[in-house]
Protein backbone atom coordinates (compact mmCIF):
# COMPACT_ATOMS: atom_id res chain seq x y z
CA MET A 1 0.00 0.00 0.00
CA GLN A 2 1.22 3.48 -0.85
CA ASP A 3 0.68 6.37 1.56
CA HIS A 4 1.18 9.94 0.32
CA ARG A 5 0.89 12.91 2.71
CA PHE A 6 1.54 16.61 2.49
CA ASP A 7 0.38 19.89 4.00
CA PHE A 8 0.69 23.57 3.22
CA VAL A 9 -0.52 26.91 4.59
CA VAL A 10 -2.75 29.36 2.71
CA ASN A 11 -4.04 32.83 3.48
CA GLY A 12 -7.71 32.15 4.07
CA THR A 13 -9.98 30.96 6.85
CA PRO A 14 -11.14 27.33 6.90
CA ASP A 15 -14.58 28.52 5.72
CA GLU A 16 -13.04 30.37 2.76
CA VAL A 17 -10.82 27.41 1.85
CA TRP A 18 -13.77 25.03 2.14
CA ASP A 19 -15.90 27.24 -0.11
CA VAL A 20 -13.35 27.48 -2.93
CA ILE A 21 -12.54 23.76 -2.83
CA TRP A 22 -16.16 22.68 -2.76
CA ALA A 23 -17.21 25.10 -5.53
CA THR A 24 -14.90 23.13 -7.83
CA THR A 25 -15.69 19.75 -6.26
CA ARG A 26 -19.42 20.20 -6.87
CA ALA A 27 -19.05 21.68 -10.37
CA GLY A 28 -16.71 19.12 -11.87
CA VAL A 29 -13.67 19.84 -14.02
CA ASP A 30 -12.84 19.35 -17.68
CA THR A 31 -9.27 20.08 -18.78
CA PRO A 32 -7.04 18.52 -21.43
CA THR A 33 -5.26 16.62 -18.63
CA TYR A 34 -8.09 15.38 -16.44
CA LYS A 35 -11.85 15.33 -16.19
CA ILE A 36 -14.17 15.05 -13.19
CA GLU A 37 -17.86 14.38 -13.82
CA ILE A 38 -20.32 14.69 -10.95
CA TYR A 39 -22.91 11.91 -10.88
CA HIS A 40 -24.56 12.81 -7.56
CA GLN A 41 -24.15 16.02 -5.53
CA GLY A 42 -24.54 14.46 -2.10
CA ASP A 43 -25.98 16.33 0.86
CA GLU A 44 -25.33 19.93 1.93
CA ALA A 45 -21.92 19.04 3.44
CA GLY A 46 -20.94 16.90 0.44
CA ASN A 47 -21.52 13.49 2.02
CA GLY A 48 -22.55 11.06 -0.68
CA LEU A 49 -21.13 13.07 -3.59
CA VAL A 50 -20.24 10.63 -6.39
CA ARG A 51 -17.82 11.50 -9.20
CA HIS A 52 -16.10 9.84 -12.15
CA CYS A 53 -12.53 10.94 -12.84
CA THR A 54 -10.31 10.46 -15.89
CA PHE A 55 -6.59 11.20 -15.49
CA PRO A 56 -3.14 10.37 -16.91
CA VAL A 57 -1.24 7.19 -16.08
CA PRO A 58 1.90 5.66 -17.58
CA LYS A 59 1.40 4.38 -21.13
CA TYR A 60 2.91 1.00 -20.22
CA LEU A 61 -0.44 0.18 -18.57
CA LEU A 62 -1.78 -0.18 -22.15
CA SER A 63 -4.74 2.13 -21.56
CA LYS A 64 -3.59 4.88 -23.95
CA GLY A 65 -2.19 6.74 -20.96
CA ARG A 66 -5.60 7.26 -19.33
CA ALA A 67 -7.12 5.88 -16.13
CA GLN A 68 -10.53 6.15 -14.54
CA SER A 69 -11.74 6.20 -10.97
CA TRP A 70 -15.16 6.21 -9.39
CA GLU A 71 -15.12 8.17 -6.14
CA TRP A 72 -17.55 8.96 -3.37
CA ILE A 73 -17.24 11.49 -0.56
CA THR A 74 -17.82 10.31 3.00
CA GLU A 75 -17.25 11.74 6.46
CA SER A 76 -17.62 15.35 5.30
CA THR A 77 -17.85 17.93 8.09
CA ARG A 78 -17.90 21.60 7.06
CA PRO A 79 -15.39 23.37 7.34
CA VAL A 80 -13.16 20.76 8.97
CA SER A 81 -12.55 17.66 6.87
CA TRP A 82 -13.75 15.13 4.34
CA ARG A 83 -12.76 11.74 3.04
CA TYR A 84 -13.15 10.05 -0.30
CA ASP A 85 -12.96 6.39 -1.25
CA ALA A 86 -12.34 5.26 -4.82
CA ILE A 87 -12.03 2.30 -7.13
CA GLY A 88 -9.73 2.76 -10.13
CA LYS A 89 -8.60 1.08 -13.32
CA PRO A 90 -6.77 -0.02 -15.54
CA LEU A 91 -4.60 -1.12 -12.64
CA TRP A 92 -7.58 -2.24 -10.53
CA SER A 93 -7.08 -0.50 -7.22
CA LYS A 94 -8.65 1.21 -4.27
CA ALA A 95 -7.74 4.58 -2.83
CA SER A 96 -8.81 6.68 0.13
CA GLY A 97 -8.05 10.34 0.61
CA TRP A 98 -8.46 12.63 3.57
CA THR A 99 -8.37 16.42 3.63
CA ARG A 100 -8.36 18.32 6.90
CA LEU A 101 -8.42 22.09 7.36
CA GLU A 102 -6.59 23.37 10.44
CA ASP A 103 -7.41 26.91 11.58
CA LEU A 104 -4.14 28.69 12.37
CA GLY A 105 -5.84 31.95 13.31
CA GLU A 106 -5.26 35.37 11.73
CA GLY A 107 -7.01 34.25 8.54
CA ARG A 108 -4.63 31.38 7.78
CA THR A 109 -5.33 27.68 7.30
CA ARG A 110 -3.11 24.63 7.09
CA VAL A 111 -4.44 22.12 4.56
CA HIS A 112 -3.52 18.52 5.40
CA PHE A 113 -3.89 15.88 2.67
CA ARG A 114 -3.35 12.14 2.80
CA GLU A 115 -4.03 9.45 0.22
CA THR A 116 -3.58 5.70 0.39
CA TYR A 117 -3.49 3.58 -2.75
CA GLU A 118 -3.51 -0.19 -3.09
CA VAL A 119 -3.57 -2.39 -6.18
CA PHE A 120 -5.81 -5.45 -5.78
CA ASN A 121 -3.72 -8.00 -7.69
CA PRO A 122 -0.71 -8.99 -5.53
CA VAL A 123 1.57 -9.55 -8.52
CA MET A 124 0.67 -6.20 -10.09
CA ARG A 125 0.95 -4.62 -6.65
CA ALA A 126 4.55 -5.82 -6.31
CA LEU A 127 5.49 -4.87 -9.87
CA LEU A 128 3.65 -1.60 -10.52
CA GLU A 129 1.88 -0.09 -7.50
CA LYS A 130 4.68 2.20 -6.27
CA ARG A 131 5.63 3.48 -9.75
CA VAL A 132 2.04 4.08 -10.82
CA HIS A 133 1.07 5.85 -7.60
CA HIS A 134 4.17 8.04 -7.83
CA PHE A 135 3.18 8.95 -11.40
CA ILE A 136 -0.41 9.75 -10.39
CA SER A 137 0.44 11.79 -7.28
CA ARG A 138 3.82 13.29 -8.18
CA ASP A 139 2.62 16.91 -8.48
CA ASN A 140 -0.49 16.77 -6.29
CA ASP A 141 0.99 18.91 -3.54
CA LYS A 142 1.94 21.76 -5.90
CA LEU A 143 -1.19 21.51 -8.04
CA ILE A 144 -3.63 21.43 -5.14
CA GLU A 145 -1.93 24.31 -3.32
CA ALA A 146 -1.75 26.43 -6.49
CA SER A 147 -5.40 25.76 -7.27
CA ILE A 148 -6.54 26.79 -3.79
CA VAL A 149 -4.35 29.93 -3.78
CA ARG A 150 -5.66 30.98 -7.24
CA SER A 151 -9.25 30.33 -6.20
CA LEU A 152 -8.87 32.34 -2.98
CA GLU A 153 -7.32 35.25 -4.92
CA ARG A 154 -10.12 35.13 -7.51
CA ARG A 155 -12.71 35.08 -4.72
CA ARG A 156 -11.14 38.13 -3.03
CA ARG A 157 -10.99 40.03 -6.34
CA LYS A 158 -14.68 39.37 -6.97
CA GLN A 159 -15.57 40.43 -3.42
CA ALA A 160 -13.54 43.65 -3.80
CA GLU A 161 -15.20 44.40 -7.14
CA ALA A 162 -18.65 43.79 -5.66
CA ALA A 163 -17.85 46.04 -2.69
CA GLY A 164 -16.60 48.77 -5.06
CA ASP A 165 -19.74 48.48 -7.19
CA ALA A 166 -21.94 48.71 -4.08
CA ALA A 167 -20.02 51.76 -2.81
CA ARG A 168 -20.43 53.52 -6.18
CA ARG A 169 -24.17 52.79 -6.19
CA ASP A 170 -24.51 54.16 -2.66
CA ALA A 171 -22.51 57.32 -3.46
């Protein structure tokens, strides 16, 4: 089993970080690199959200460099933490991921992320699990942090523009 962990600090409260992450999580994503389709939105906190993901994997898996996973969100508690469980292929596997938001005060939050990954077939596990998981998760820390930082900046810009528009209307 592979176990990948990282954390980073962003300028934003846990509520703000939660909001920008979940806006994307509930909307889905479609980029040239990966795609996330939402099949079920889940409840207000996100529990029960079901998504289908397509993402790059090494070409030696003979899947044209693409993999799929079916994921569901469990144990979601706003604005503290959530967990997802997933089944993936072509290297049939299971994964679990946990995200926890730690309030550092003064408008800062530490984002903790952990993912475990295990290939079902013991032979494939011994031969490929570590390399494939490294390929899948190699840039997750940088990509996730950059996405949250960009989303927080965009949110602040929109709030500032809205406040400026309201002030001009009131003047």
